[in-house]
Amino acid sequence: MQKYSITMRLFHWSTALLVFGLFGVGLWMRSLGYYDPLYQVLPYWHKSVGFLLAGLIVLRLLSRWLLTQPGPLNTHQPWERRQAHLMHGVLYLLLFGLFASGYLVATSDDRPASFFGWFDIPVLFTAFENQEDVAGLIHEICAWSLIGLVVLHVLAALKHHWVDRDHTLKRML
């Protein structure tokens, strides 16, 4: 059994943790009233951690490109290989959709977004009218779609582990 490198495993599980954390905080933020003490705090952290995740995903893609990755297991059917490749591609597209729409929401008031107070992410452009609302809707659709695909991804890994009894999941642990 050829495992994924420690680098790729750390990227994978860090990404999973951040995605679920950001999704949970995003849901929580939607329930806050204007006078709630967390009304200003949670969006600040959500944006900063979202930018952190964007950087992590860029590093992860560079690592995938530069480092040798284990190939599919011999027990994987051709259709499973195609589905896995397609699912990973869509997961990355949804992540980049989240990053782009999140950036547009964060900078829709023509003010830069802070990255943990260390530096500002500049406003590069105003894309369109009602930018915050439109980008917010795109952000929400991408987030729910991403979580849906992540659930399928987890179910597929569990299927490989418990039904097929192959090493798919163990290679990422």
N, C-alpha and C. Protein backbone atom coordinates (compact mmCIF):
# COMPACT_ATOMS: atom_id res chain seq x y z
N MET A 1 0.85 -1.18 0.00
CA MET A 1 0.00 0.00 0.00
C MET A 1 0.89 1.24 0.00
N GLN A 2 0.66 2.11 -0.97
CA GLN A 2 1.41 3.35 -1.05
C GLN A 2 0.56 4.47 -0.45
N LYS A 3 1.03 5.06 0.66
CA LYS A 3 0.29 6.13 1.33
C LYS A 3 0.60 7.47 0.66
N TYR A 4 -0.29 8.42 0.89
CA TYR A 4 -0.01 9.78 0.48
C TYR A 4 1.07 10.34 1.39
N SER A 5 1.83 11.30 0.89
CA SER A 5 2.89 11.90 1.69
C SER A 5 2.28 12.60 2.91
N ILE A 6 3.10 12.80 3.91
CA ILE A 6 2.63 13.50 5.11
C ILE A 6 2.16 14.90 4.74
N THR A 7 2.82 15.53 3.79
CA THR A 7 2.42 16.86 3.34
C THR A 7 1.01 16.83 2.79
N MET A 8 0.72 15.87 1.92
CA MET A 8 -0.61 15.80 1.31
C MET A 8 -1.67 15.42 2.35
N ARG A 9 -1.31 14.56 3.28
CA ARG A 9 -2.27 14.20 4.32
C ARG A 9 -2.58 15.39 5.22
N LEU A 10 -1.56 16.17 5.56
CA LEU A 10 -1.80 17.38 6.37
C LEU A 10 -2.65 18.39 5.60
N PHE A 11 -2.36 18.57 4.33
CA PHE A 11 -3.18 19.47 3.51
C PHE A 11 -4.63 18.98 3.48
N HIS A 12 -4.81 17.69 3.27
CA HIS A 12 -6.16 17.11 3.16
C HIS A 12 -6.96 17.33 4.44
N TRP A 13 -6.41 16.95 5.58
CA TRP A 13 -7.16 17.03 6.83
C TRP A 13 -7.29 18.47 7.33
N SER A 14 -6.29 19.32 7.06
CA SER A 14 -6.42 20.75 7.40
C SER A 14 -7.54 21.39 6.58
N THR A 15 -7.58 21.05 5.31
CA THR A 15 -8.63 21.56 4.44
C THR A 15 -10.00 21.12 4.95
N ALA A 16 -10.13 19.84 5.29
CA ALA A 16 -11.41 19.32 5.79
C ALA A 16 -11.84 20.07 7.04
N LEU A 17 -10.93 20.25 7.97
CA LEU A 17 -11.23 20.94 9.22
C LEU A 17 -11.66 22.38 8.96
N LEU A 18 -10.93 23.07 8.10
CA LEU A 18 -11.26 24.47 7.81
C LEU A 18 -12.58 24.59 7.06
N VAL A 19 -12.83 23.70 6.11
CA VAL A 19 -14.08 23.76 5.35
C VAL A 19 -15.27 23.57 6.28
N PHE A 20 -15.23 22.54 7.13
CA PHE A 20 -16.35 22.32 8.03
C PHE A 20 -16.47 23.46 9.05
N GLY A 21 -15.34 23.95 9.55
CA GLY A 21 -15.38 25.06 10.49
C GLY A 21 -15.96 26.32 9.87
N LEU A 22 -15.51 26.66 8.67
CA LEU A 22 -16.02 27.85 7.99
C LEU A 22 -17.51 27.70 7.66
N PHE A 23 -17.92 26.51 7.27
CA PHE A 23 -19.33 26.29 6.96
C PHE A 23 -20.18 26.49 8.22
N GLY A 24 -19.74 25.90 9.34
CA GLY A 24 -20.47 26.06 10.59
C GLY A 24 -20.54 27.50 11.04
N VAL A 25 -19.43 28.21 10.97
CA VAL A 25 -19.42 29.62 11.36
C VAL A 25 -20.29 30.44 10.41
N GLY A 26 -20.25 30.11 9.12
CA GLY A 26 -21.09 30.81 8.15
C GLY A 26 -22.57 30.65 8.47
N LEU A 27 -22.98 29.44 8.83
CA LEU A 27 -24.37 29.22 9.23
C LEU A 27 -24.70 30.01 10.50
N TRP A 28 -23.79 29.99 11.44
CA TRP A 28 -23.99 30.70 12.70
C TRP A 28 -24.14 32.20 12.46
N MET A 29 -23.29 32.75 11.59
CA MET A 29 -23.32 34.19 11.32
C MET A 29 -24.67 34.62 10.77
N ARG A 30 -25.28 33.77 9.97
CA ARG A 30 -26.57 34.12 9.38
C ARG A 30 -27.67 34.26 10.41
N SER A 31 -27.48 33.64 11.57
CA SER A 31 -28.52 33.69 12.60
C SER A 31 -28.34 34.86 13.57
N LEU A 32 -27.26 35.61 13.44
CA LEU A 32 -26.97 36.69 14.39
C LEU A 32 -27.77 37.94 14.06
N GLY A 33 -28.24 38.59 15.10
CA GLY A 33 -28.88 39.89 14.94
C GLY A 33 -27.84 41.00 14.96
N TYR A 34 -28.23 42.17 14.50
CA TYR A 34 -27.31 43.30 14.40
C TYR A 34 -26.67 43.65 15.73
N TYR A 35 -27.40 43.51 16.82
CA TYR A 35 -26.88 43.90 18.13
C TYR A 35 -26.18 42.76 18.86
N ASP A 36 -26.08 41.62 18.23
CA ASP A 36 -25.36 40.50 18.84
C ASP A 36 -23.88 40.84 18.90
N PRO A 37 -23.21 40.57 20.03
CA PRO A 37 -21.78 40.91 20.16
C PRO A 37 -20.89 40.22 19.12
N LEU A 38 -21.34 39.10 18.58
CA LEU A 38 -20.54 38.38 17.59
C LEU A 38 -20.80 38.83 16.16
N TYR A 39 -21.72 39.77 15.98
CA TYR A 39 -22.11 40.22 14.64
C TYR A 39 -20.92 40.76 13.85
N GLN A 40 -19.99 41.44 14.50
CA GLN A 40 -18.80 41.96 13.82
C GLN A 40 -17.61 41.01 13.93
N VAL A 41 -17.56 40.24 15.01
CA VAL A 41 -16.40 39.38 15.28
C VAL A 41 -16.35 38.18 14.34
N LEU A 42 -17.45 37.46 14.21
CA LEU A 42 -17.44 36.24 13.40
C LEU A 42 -17.13 36.50 11.92
N PRO A 43 -17.70 37.53 11.29
CA PRO A 43 -17.32 37.78 9.90
C PRO A 43 -15.82 38.08 9.72
N TYR A 44 -15.24 38.79 10.68
CA TYR A 44 -13.80 39.08 10.63
C TYR A 44 -13.01 37.77 10.59
N TRP A 45 -13.33 36.86 11.52
CA TRP A 45 -12.61 35.59 11.57
C TRP A 45 -12.93 34.71 10.36
N HIS A 46 -14.18 34.73 9.92
CA HIS A 46 -14.58 33.93 8.76
C HIS A 46 -13.79 34.36 7.53
N LYS A 47 -13.65 35.66 7.33
CA LYS A 47 -12.89 36.17 6.18
C LYS A 47 -11.41 35.78 6.30
N SER A 48 -10.83 36.01 7.46
CA SER A 48 -9.40 35.72 7.63
C SER A 48 -9.11 34.24 7.43
N VAL A 49 -9.92 33.38 8.04
CA VAL A 49 -9.71 31.93 7.89
C VAL A 49 -10.00 31.51 6.45
N GLY A 50 -10.98 32.14 5.80
CA GLY A 50 -11.25 31.86 4.39
C GLY A 50 -10.05 32.19 3.51
N PHE A 51 -9.41 33.34 3.76
CA PHE A 51 -8.20 33.68 3.00
C PHE A 51 -7.07 32.69 3.30
N LEU A 52 -6.98 32.25 4.55
CA LEU A 52 -5.99 31.24 4.92
C LEU A 52 -6.25 29.94 4.15
N LEU A 53 -7.51 29.53 4.08
CA LEU A 53 -7.85 28.32 3.32
C LEU A 53 -7.52 28.49 1.85
N ALA A 54 -7.75 29.66 1.29
CA ALA A 54 -7.41 29.90 -0.12
C ALA A 54 -5.91 29.70 -0.35
N GLY A 55 -5.09 30.24 0.54
CA GLY A 55 -3.64 30.04 0.42
C GLY A 55 -3.26 28.58 0.57
N LEU A 56 -3.90 27.90 1.50
CA LEU A 56 -3.64 26.47 1.71
C LEU A 56 -3.98 25.67 0.46
N ILE A 57 -5.09 26.00 -0.18
CA ILE A 57 -5.50 25.27 -1.39
C ILE A 57 -4.52 25.53 -2.52
N VAL A 58 -4.03 26.74 -2.65
CA VAL A 58 -3.02 27.02 -3.67
C VAL A 58 -1.76 26.19 -3.41
N LEU A 59 -1.31 26.15 -2.16
CA LEU A 59 -0.15 25.33 -1.81
C LEU A 59 -0.43 23.85 -2.05
N ARG A 60 -1.64 23.43 -1.74
CA ARG A 60 -2.01 22.03 -1.95
C ARG A 60 -1.97 21.66 -3.44
N LEU A 61 -2.49 22.54 -4.27
CA LEU A 61 -2.46 22.27 -5.72
C LEU A 61 -1.03 22.26 -6.26
N LEU A 62 -0.19 23.18 -5.75
CA LEU A 62 1.22 23.18 -6.16
C LEU A 62 1.90 21.87 -5.74
N SER A 63 1.59 21.42 -4.54
CA SER A 63 2.16 20.15 -4.05
C SER A 63 1.70 18.98 -4.89
N ARG A 64 0.43 18.98 -5.26
CA ARG A 64 -0.09 17.90 -6.12
C ARG A 64 0.65 17.88 -7.45
N TRP A 65 0.98 19.06 -7.93
CA TRP A 65 1.63 19.18 -9.22
C TRP A 65 3.12 18.80 -9.13
N LEU A 66 3.77 19.17 -8.02
CA LEU A 66 5.21 18.98 -7.88
C LEU A 66 5.61 17.64 -7.27
N LEU A 67 4.78 17.10 -6.37
CA LEU A 67 5.13 15.86 -5.68
C LEU A 67 4.48 14.66 -6.36
N THR A 68 5.15 13.54 -6.29
CA THR A 68 4.58 12.31 -6.82
C THR A 68 3.43 11.85 -5.93
N GLN A 69 2.32 11.52 -6.55
CA GLN A 69 1.15 11.05 -5.83
C GLN A 69 0.95 9.57 -6.10
N PRO A 70 0.45 8.84 -5.13
CA PRO A 70 0.15 7.43 -5.40
C PRO A 70 -0.98 7.33 -6.42
N GLY A 71 -0.89 6.35 -7.28
CA GLY A 71 -1.93 6.14 -8.28
C GLY A 71 -3.12 5.43 -7.66
N PRO A 72 -4.16 5.26 -8.46
CA PRO A 72 -5.34 4.54 -7.95
C PRO A 72 -4.98 3.08 -7.66
N LEU A 73 -5.72 2.50 -6.76
CA LEU A 73 -5.52 1.10 -6.43
C LEU A 73 -5.99 0.22 -7.60
N ASN A 74 -5.38 -0.94 -7.71
CA ASN A 74 -5.77 -1.86 -8.78
C ASN A 74 -7.21 -2.33 -8.65
N THR A 75 -7.73 -2.28 -7.44
CA THR A 75 -9.11 -2.71 -7.21
C THR A 75 -10.14 -1.69 -7.65
N HIS A 76 -9.72 -0.47 -7.93
CA HIS A 76 -10.66 0.57 -8.37
C HIS A 76 -11.07 0.32 -9.82
N GLN A 77 -12.36 0.36 -10.04
CA GLN A 77 -12.89 0.19 -11.39
C GLN A 77 -12.64 1.46 -12.21
N PRO A 78 -12.58 1.36 -13.53
CA PRO A 78 -12.38 2.57 -14.35
C PRO A 78 -13.42 3.67 -14.08
N TRP A 79 -14.67 3.28 -13.87
CA TRP A 79 -15.70 4.29 -13.60
C TRP A 79 -15.45 4.97 -12.26
N GLU A 80 -14.91 4.24 -11.28
CA GLU A 80 -14.61 4.84 -9.98
C GLU A 80 -13.47 5.84 -10.12
N ARG A 81 -12.50 5.51 -10.94
CA ARG A 81 -11.37 6.42 -11.16
C ARG A 81 -11.85 7.71 -11.82
N ARG A 82 -12.72 7.57 -12.83
CA ARG A 82 -13.25 8.76 -13.51
C ARG A 82 -14.09 9.60 -12.55
N GLN A 83 -14.94 8.95 -11.75
CA GLN A 83 -15.78 9.66 -10.79
C GLN A 83 -14.93 10.40 -9.75
N ALA A 84 -13.89 9.73 -9.26
CA ALA A 84 -13.02 10.35 -8.25
C ALA A 84 -12.31 11.57 -8.84
N HIS A 85 -11.83 11.43 -10.07
CA HIS A 85 -11.14 12.55 -10.73
C HIS A 85 -12.11 13.72 -10.94
N LEU A 86 -13.32 13.41 -11.40
CA LEU A 86 -14.32 14.44 -11.62
C LEU A 86 -14.71 15.11 -10.30
N MET A 87 -14.93 14.31 -9.26
CA MET A 87 -15.33 14.86 -7.97
C MET A 87 -14.25 15.78 -7.41
N HIS A 88 -12.99 15.37 -7.50
CA HIS A 88 -11.92 16.25 -7.00
C HIS A 88 -11.87 17.55 -7.78
N GLY A 89 -12.06 17.48 -9.09
CA GLY A 89 -12.07 18.69 -9.91
C GLY A 89 -13.20 19.63 -9.51
N VAL A 90 -14.39 19.08 -9.29
CA VAL A 90 -15.53 19.91 -8.90
C VAL A 90 -15.33 20.47 -7.49
N LEU A 91 -14.74 19.69 -6.58
CA LEU A 91 -14.44 20.20 -5.24
C LEU A 91 -13.54 21.43 -5.32
N TYR A 92 -12.49 21.34 -6.15
CA TYR A 92 -11.59 22.49 -6.30
C TYR A 92 -12.30 23.67 -6.96
N LEU A 93 -13.13 23.42 -7.96
CA LEU A 93 -13.87 24.51 -8.60
C LEU A 93 -14.79 25.21 -7.60
N LEU A 94 -15.48 24.42 -6.78
CA LEU A 94 -16.35 25.02 -5.77
C LEU A 94 -15.56 25.82 -4.75
N LEU A 95 -14.40 25.31 -4.36
CA LEU A 95 -13.55 26.07 -3.43
C LEU A 95 -13.14 27.41 -4.04
N PHE A 96 -12.73 27.40 -5.31
CA PHE A 96 -12.34 28.66 -5.93
C PHE A 96 -13.54 29.57 -6.15
N GLY A 97 -14.72 28.99 -6.38
CA GLY A 97 -15.94 29.79 -6.43
C GLY A 97 -16.22 30.46 -5.10
N LEU A 98 -15.99 29.72 -4.02
CA LEU A 98 -16.15 30.28 -2.67
C LEU A 98 -15.15 31.40 -2.42
N PHE A 99 -13.91 31.19 -2.82
CA PHE A 99 -12.89 32.21 -2.59
C PHE A 99 -13.20 33.49 -3.37
N ALA A 100 -13.57 33.33 -4.63
CA ALA A 100 -13.87 34.51 -5.46
C ALA A 100 -15.10 35.25 -4.94
N SER A 101 -16.16 34.52 -4.67
CA SER A 101 -17.38 35.18 -4.19
C SER A 101 -17.17 35.75 -2.79
N GLY A 102 -16.42 35.05 -1.94
CA GLY A 102 -16.13 35.58 -0.60
C GLY A 102 -15.33 36.87 -0.69
N TYR A 103 -14.36 36.91 -1.59
CA TYR A 103 -13.58 38.13 -1.79
C TYR A 103 -14.49 39.28 -2.23
N LEU A 104 -15.41 38.98 -3.16
CA LEU A 104 -16.32 40.02 -3.66
C LEU A 104 -17.26 40.52 -2.56
N VAL A 105 -17.70 39.63 -1.68
CA VAL A 105 -18.53 40.05 -0.55
C VAL A 105 -17.69 40.90 0.41
N ALA A 106 -16.49 40.43 0.72
CA ALA A 106 -15.64 41.10 1.72
C ALA A 106 -15.21 42.49 1.28
N THR A 107 -15.10 42.71 -0.02
CA THR A 107 -14.63 44.01 -0.52
C THR A 107 -15.73 44.81 -1.21
N SER A 108 -16.97 44.39 -1.05
CA SER A 108 -18.07 45.06 -1.75
C SER A 108 -18.31 46.49 -1.28
N ASP A 109 -17.84 46.83 -0.09
CA ASP A 109 -18.01 48.19 0.42
C ASP A 109 -16.81 49.07 0.10
N ASP A 110 -15.99 48.63 -0.86
CA ASP A 110 -14.79 49.37 -1.30
C ASP A 110 -13.76 49.57 -0.20
N ARG A 111 -13.78 48.67 0.81
CA ARG A 111 -12.75 48.69 1.84
C ARG A 111 -12.00 47.37 1.78
N PRO A 112 -10.69 47.41 2.01
CA PRO A 112 -9.93 46.15 1.98
C PRO A 112 -10.36 45.22 3.11
N ALA A 113 -10.13 43.95 2.92
CA ALA A 113 -10.44 42.95 3.94
C ALA A 113 -9.16 42.65 4.71
N SER A 114 -9.27 42.58 6.01
CA SER A 114 -8.12 42.32 6.86
C SER A 114 -7.81 40.83 6.93
N PHE A 115 -6.54 40.50 6.92
CA PHE A 115 -6.09 39.12 7.13
C PHE A 115 -5.51 39.04 8.52
N PHE A 116 -6.35 38.65 9.48
CA PHE A 116 -5.99 38.54 10.89
C PHE A 116 -5.36 39.82 11.45
N GLY A 117 -5.62 40.96 10.83
CA GLY A 117 -5.04 42.22 11.30
C GLY A 117 -3.57 42.39 10.93
N TRP A 118 -3.00 41.42 10.23
CA TRP A 118 -1.58 41.48 9.86
C TRP A 118 -1.37 42.34 8.63
N PHE A 119 -2.25 42.22 7.65
CA PHE A 119 -2.19 43.04 6.45
C PHE A 119 -3.58 43.02 5.81
N ASP A 120 -3.77 43.91 4.85
CA ASP A 120 -5.06 44.02 4.18
C ASP A 120 -5.01 43.37 2.80
N ILE A 121 -6.13 42.74 2.45
CA ILE A 121 -6.33 42.23 1.09
C ILE A 121 -6.99 43.38 0.33
N PRO A 122 -6.33 43.93 -0.67
CA PRO A 122 -6.85 45.15 -1.30
C PRO A 122 -8.11 44.90 -2.14
N VAL A 123 -8.83 46.00 -2.34
CA VAL A 123 -9.97 45.98 -3.27
C VAL A 123 -9.39 46.15 -4.66
N LEU A 124 -9.51 45.15 -5.48
CA LEU A 124 -8.95 45.22 -6.83
C LEU A 124 -9.93 45.81 -7.82
N PHE A 125 -11.23 45.60 -7.58
CA PHE A 125 -12.24 46.10 -8.50
C PHE A 125 -13.61 45.94 -7.86
N THR A 126 -14.56 46.69 -8.38
CA THR A 126 -15.96 46.47 -8.06
C THR A 126 -16.54 45.80 -9.29
N ALA A 127 -17.06 44.62 -9.12
CA ALA A 127 -17.44 43.79 -10.27
C ALA A 127 -18.78 44.19 -10.88
N PHE A 128 -19.78 44.49 -10.05
CA PHE A 128 -21.11 44.72 -10.58
C PHE A 128 -22.00 45.34 -9.51
N GLU A 129 -23.16 45.82 -9.93
CA GLU A 129 -24.13 46.37 -8.98
C GLU A 129 -24.63 45.26 -8.07
N ASN A 130 -25.02 45.65 -6.86
CA ASN A 130 -25.50 44.68 -5.86
C ASN A 130 -24.48 43.56 -5.64
N GLN A 131 -23.23 43.91 -5.69
CA GLN A 131 -22.14 42.92 -5.61
C GLN A 131 -22.25 42.07 -4.35
N GLU A 132 -22.53 42.69 -3.22
CA GLU A 132 -22.59 41.94 -1.97
C GLU A 132 -23.70 40.89 -2.01
N ASP A 133 -24.87 41.28 -2.53
CA ASP A 133 -26.00 40.35 -2.56
C ASP A 133 -25.78 39.22 -3.56
N VAL A 134 -25.35 39.56 -4.76
CA VAL A 134 -25.15 38.54 -5.80
C VAL A 134 -24.00 37.60 -5.41
N ALA A 135 -22.89 38.18 -4.99
CA ALA A 135 -21.75 37.35 -4.58
C ALA A 135 -22.11 36.53 -3.35
N GLY A 136 -22.90 37.09 -2.45
CA GLY A 136 -23.33 36.35 -1.26
C GLY A 136 -24.17 35.15 -1.63
N LEU A 137 -25.05 35.29 -2.62
CA LEU A 137 -25.86 34.17 -3.08
C LEU A 137 -24.98 33.10 -3.72
N ILE A 138 -24.03 33.52 -4.54
CA ILE A 138 -23.10 32.57 -5.16
C ILE A 138 -22.29 31.86 -4.08
N HIS A 139 -21.86 32.60 -3.09
CA HIS A 139 -21.08 32.04 -1.98
C HIS A 139 -21.89 30.97 -1.25
N GLU A 140 -23.15 31.26 -1.00
CA GLU A 140 -24.01 30.31 -0.30
C GLU A 140 -24.25 29.05 -1.14
N ILE A 141 -24.50 29.22 -2.43
CA ILE A 141 -24.72 28.07 -3.31
C ILE A 141 -23.47 27.20 -3.39
N CYS A 142 -22.32 27.85 -3.53
CA CYS A 142 -21.05 27.09 -3.57
C CYS A 142 -20.81 26.37 -2.25
N ALA A 143 -21.11 27.02 -1.12
CA ALA A 143 -20.88 26.40 0.19
C ALA A 143 -21.74 25.16 0.37
N TRP A 144 -23.03 25.26 0.08
CA TRP A 144 -23.91 24.10 0.23
C TRP A 144 -23.53 22.99 -0.75
N SER A 145 -23.17 23.37 -1.97
CA SER A 145 -22.74 22.38 -2.97
C SER A 145 -21.47 21.68 -2.52
N LEU A 146 -20.53 22.46 -1.98
CA LEU A 146 -19.28 21.88 -1.50
C LEU A 146 -19.56 20.89 -0.36
N ILE A 147 -20.38 21.27 0.59
CA ILE A 147 -20.68 20.38 1.71
C ILE A 147 -21.37 19.11 1.20
N GLY A 148 -22.26 19.26 0.24
CA GLY A 148 -22.91 18.09 -0.34
C GLY A 148 -21.91 17.14 -0.98
N LEU A 149 -20.98 17.68 -1.75
CA LEU A 149 -19.96 16.83 -2.37
C LEU A 149 -18.99 16.24 -1.36
N VAL A 150 -18.69 17.00 -0.32
CA VAL A 150 -17.81 16.48 0.73
C VAL A 150 -18.48 15.29 1.42
N VAL A 151 -19.78 15.38 1.65
CA VAL A 151 -20.50 14.25 2.24
C VAL A 151 -20.40 13.03 1.32
N LEU A 152 -20.58 13.23 0.01
CA LEU A 152 -20.41 12.12 -0.93
C LEU A 152 -18.99 11.58 -0.91
N HIS A 153 -18.02 12.47 -0.80
CA HIS A 153 -16.61 12.09 -0.73
C HIS A 153 -16.36 11.20 0.49
N VAL A 154 -16.91 11.60 1.63
CA VAL A 154 -16.77 10.81 2.86
C VAL A 154 -17.46 9.46 2.71
N LEU A 155 -18.65 9.47 2.15
CA LEU A 155 -19.37 8.21 1.95
C LEU A 155 -18.61 7.27 1.02
N ALA A 156 -18.00 7.83 -0.02
CA ALA A 156 -17.22 7.00 -0.94
C ALA A 156 -16.01 6.40 -0.22
N ALA A 157 -15.35 7.19 0.61
CA ALA A 157 -14.20 6.68 1.37
C ALA A 157 -14.63 5.57 2.32
N LEU A 158 -15.77 5.77 2.98
CA LEU A 158 -16.28 4.74 3.89
C LEU A 158 -16.70 3.49 3.14
N LYS A 159 -17.27 3.65 1.95
CA LYS A 159 -17.64 2.50 1.11
C LYS A 159 -16.39 1.70 0.76
N HIS A 160 -15.33 2.41 0.36
CA HIS A 160 -14.08 1.71 0.04
C HIS A 160 -13.54 0.96 1.26
N HIS A 161 -13.66 1.58 2.43
CA HIS A 161 -13.10 0.99 3.63
C HIS A 161 -13.94 -0.19 4.14
N TRP A 162 -15.25 -0.01 4.24
CA TRP A 162 -16.10 -1.02 4.88
C TRP A 162 -16.69 -2.03 3.90
N VAL A 163 -17.02 -1.61 2.68
CA VAL A 163 -17.65 -2.53 1.72
C VAL A 163 -16.59 -3.20 0.85
N ASP A 164 -15.77 -2.38 0.19
CA ASP A 164 -14.74 -2.93 -0.70
C ASP A 164 -13.56 -3.50 0.07
N ARG A 165 -13.38 -3.03 1.28
CA ARG A 165 -12.27 -3.44 2.15
C ARG A 165 -10.91 -3.23 1.46
N ASP A 166 -10.79 -2.07 0.81
CA ASP A 166 -9.49 -1.75 0.20
C ASP A 166 -8.79 -0.68 1.03
N HIS A 167 -7.66 -0.21 0.57
CA HIS A 167 -6.80 0.71 1.35
C HIS A 167 -7.00 2.18 0.99
N THR A 168 -8.07 2.52 0.31
CA THR A 168 -8.28 3.90 -0.11
C THR A 168 -8.21 4.86 1.08
N LEU A 169 -8.97 4.60 2.10
CA LEU A 169 -9.02 5.48 3.26
C LEU A 169 -7.71 5.42 4.05
N LYS A 170 -7.15 4.25 4.22
CA LYS A 170 -5.91 4.10 5.00
C LYS A 170 -4.75 4.88 4.40
N ARG A 171 -4.77 5.07 3.08
CA ARG A 171 -3.67 5.82 2.44
C ARG A 171 -3.68 7.29 2.83
N MET A 172 -4.86 7.79 3.28
CA MET A 172 -4.95 9.20 3.66
C MET A 172 -4.90 9.39 5.17
N LEU A 173 -4.83 8.30 5.92
CA LEU A 173 -4.75 8.39 7.38
C LEU A 173 -3.31 8.33 7.86
